[in-house]
Protein backbone atom coordinates (compact mmCIF):
# COMPACT_ATOMS: atom_id res chain seq x y z
CA UNK A 1 -26.99 -8.59 11.27
CA UNK A 2 -23.96 -6.37 11.97
CA UNK A 3 -20.50 -7.45 12.92
CA UNK A 4 -17.17 -5.69 14.19
CA UNK A 5 -14.93 -4.71 11.35
CA UNK A 6 -11.65 -6.22 11.35
CA UNK A 7 -8.29 -4.47 11.47
CA UNK A 8 -7.60 -5.01 7.85
CA UNK A 9 -11.24 -3.89 6.87
CA UNK A 10 -10.98 -0.59 8.76
CA UNK A 11 -7.63 0.07 7.11
CA UNK A 12 -9.09 -0.71 3.47
CA UNK A 13 -12.08 1.81 4.22
CA UNK A 14 -9.79 4.37 5.43
CA UNK A 15 -7.57 4.07 2.20
CA UNK A 16 -10.53 3.95 0.12
CA UNK A 17 -12.10 7.07 1.71
CA UNK A 18 -8.89 9.14 1.89
CA UNK A 19 -8.03 8.31 -1.81
CA UNK A 20 -11.27 7.80 -3.76
CA UNK A 21 -14.13 9.61 -2.12
CA UNK A 22 -15.33 12.62 -3.59
CA UNK A 23 -16.94 13.99 -0.67
CA UNK A 24 -13.79 13.74 1.60
CA UNK A 25 -11.46 16.71 2.30
CA UNK A 26 -8.42 16.34 4.41
CA UNK A 27 -8.82 19.60 6.12
CA UNK A 28 -12.35 19.65 6.67
CA UNK A 29 -13.59 16.10 6.94
CA UNK A 30 -16.90 14.98 5.09
CA UNK A 31 -17.91 17.98 3.11
CA UNK A 32 -21.58 17.57 2.91
CA UNK A 33 -21.92 16.87 6.51
CA UNK A 34 -19.34 19.28 7.53
CA UNK A 35 -17.85 17.14 10.06
CA UNK A 36 -15.42 14.15 10.57
CA UNK A 37 -15.91 11.41 7.89
CA UNK A 38 -18.38 9.08 9.18
CA UNK A 39 -16.74 5.98 7.48
CA UNK A 40 -13.29 6.75 8.92
CA UNK A 41 -14.34 6.06 12.82
CA UNK A 42 -16.69 3.14 11.60
CA UNK A 43 -16.36 0.06 13.88
CA UNK A 44 -19.23 -1.98 12.92
CA UNK A 45 -20.72 -3.36 9.44
CA UNK A 46 -24.27 -1.78 10.12
CA UNK A 47 -25.32 1.28 7.86
CA UNK A 48 -22.52 2.46 5.38
CA UNK A 49 -22.40 6.04 4.07
CA UNK A 50 -24.62 6.09 0.84
CA UNK A 51 -22.14 7.70 -1.57
CA UNK A 52 -19.47 5.37 -0.11
CA UNK A 53 -21.54 2.30 -0.82
CA UNK A 54 -22.53 3.05 -4.18
CA UNK A 55 -19.72 4.91 -5.78
CA UNK A 56 -16.41 4.03 -3.72
CA UNK A 57 -16.76 0.32 -2.20
CA UNK A 58 -17.17 -1.15 -5.79
CA UNK A 59 -13.34 -0.13 -6.28
CA UNK A 60 -12.35 -2.98 -3.96
CA UNK A 61 -14.45 -5.94 -4.60
CA UNK A 62 -13.03 -7.95 -2.08
CA UNK A 63 -13.82 -5.57 0.68
CA UNK A 64 -17.30 -4.94 -0.81
CA UNK A 65 -18.19 -8.85 -0.60
CA UNK A 66 -17.11 -9.14 2.88
CA UNK A 67 -19.16 -5.92 4.04
CA UNK A 68 -22.21 -6.99 2.00
CA UNK A 69 -22.19 -10.70 2.79
CA UNK A 70 -24.27 -11.88 5.91
CA UNK A 71 -22.50 -15.06 6.21
CA UNK A 72 -18.69 -16.03 6.20
CA UNK A 73 -16.63 -14.00 3.74
CA UNK A 74 -16.52 -15.24 0.09
CA UNK A 75 -13.34 -17.38 -1.18
CA UNK A 76 -10.91 -14.84 -2.22
CA UNK A 77 -7.75 -15.90 -4.05
CA UNK A 78 -4.11 -14.21 -4.29
CA UNK A 79 -3.25 -13.00 -7.98
CA UNK A 80 -0.04 -15.16 -8.76
CA UNK A 81 1.63 -12.08 -10.62
CA UNK A 82 0.97 -8.92 -7.89
CA UNK A 83 -0.22 -10.99 -4.89
CA UNK A 84 -3.26 -8.94 -4.36
CA UNK A 85 -6.70 -10.60 -3.33
CA UNK A 86 -9.37 -10.85 -5.68
CA UNK A 87 -12.87 -12.73 -5.98
CA UNK A 88 -12.21 -15.39 -8.64
CA UNK A 89 -15.21 -15.49 -11.35
CA UNK A 90 -15.16 -19.01 -12.61
CA UNK A 91 -11.73 -19.90 -14.23
CA UNK A 92 -10.36 -16.46 -13.75
CA UNK A 93 -6.58 -16.75 -12.52
CA UNK A 94 -5.62 -13.24 -12.24
CA UNK A 95 -6.94 -10.28 -10.66
CA UNK A 96 -6.91 -7.87 -13.74
CA UNK A 97 -6.21 -7.82 -17.48
CA UNK A 98 -2.75 -6.14 -16.79
CA UNK A 99 -1.97 -9.07 -14.54
CA UNK A 100 -2.84 -11.47 -17.25
CA UNK A 101 -0.74 -9.75 -20.02
CA UNK A 102 2.16 -9.85 -17.64
CA UNK A 103 1.92 -13.66 -17.02
CA UNK A 104 1.19 -14.31 -20.52
CA UNK A 105 4.65 -12.19 -21.31
CA UNK A 106 6.56 -14.21 -18.93
CA UNK A 107 5.27 -17.36 -20.18
CA UNK A 108 6.24 -16.79 -23.73
CA UNK A 109 9.71 -15.58 -22.43
CA UNK A 110 10.27 -18.66 -20.56
CA UNK A 111 9.30 -20.91 -23.49
CA UNK A 112 11.63 -18.88 -25.96
CA UNK A 113 14.53 -19.23 -23.31
CA UNK A 114 13.91 -23.08 -23.38
CA UNK A 115 13.45 -23.45 -26.91
CA UNK A 116 16.71 -21.46 -27.64
CA UNK A 117 18.61 -23.52 -24.90
CA UNK A 118 19.23 -20.49 -22.64
CA UNK A 119 20.03 -21.56 -19.06
CA UNK A 120 18.26 -19.22 -16.62
CA UNK A 121 19.79 -19.52 -13.08
CA UNK A 122 17.47 -18.15 -10.12
């Protein structure tokens, strides 16, 4: 069953196509079809471009889950470091290893400041 795409989903699709799709050319559109890219004018969740579905869509797991699910969208959570939405997997708190590392560094820094007796004013 297809549904109408939200404004955020359309923007996310446009961003993925223009940035990551190997078949997209700014001047010519979709190179294999030799016309405007099908995914840029998409309004419904029906059929997706096969290349986009298999190679580009996995780059945005939140959008992929929203487009592939039949029911309500999956529970997403904002990353406490960068604020980007992600699909939590069990006890996952951060969207990536980079954000997890940044949070750990911040935790250690605050611990050492407290241990040394430094006062941090926010």
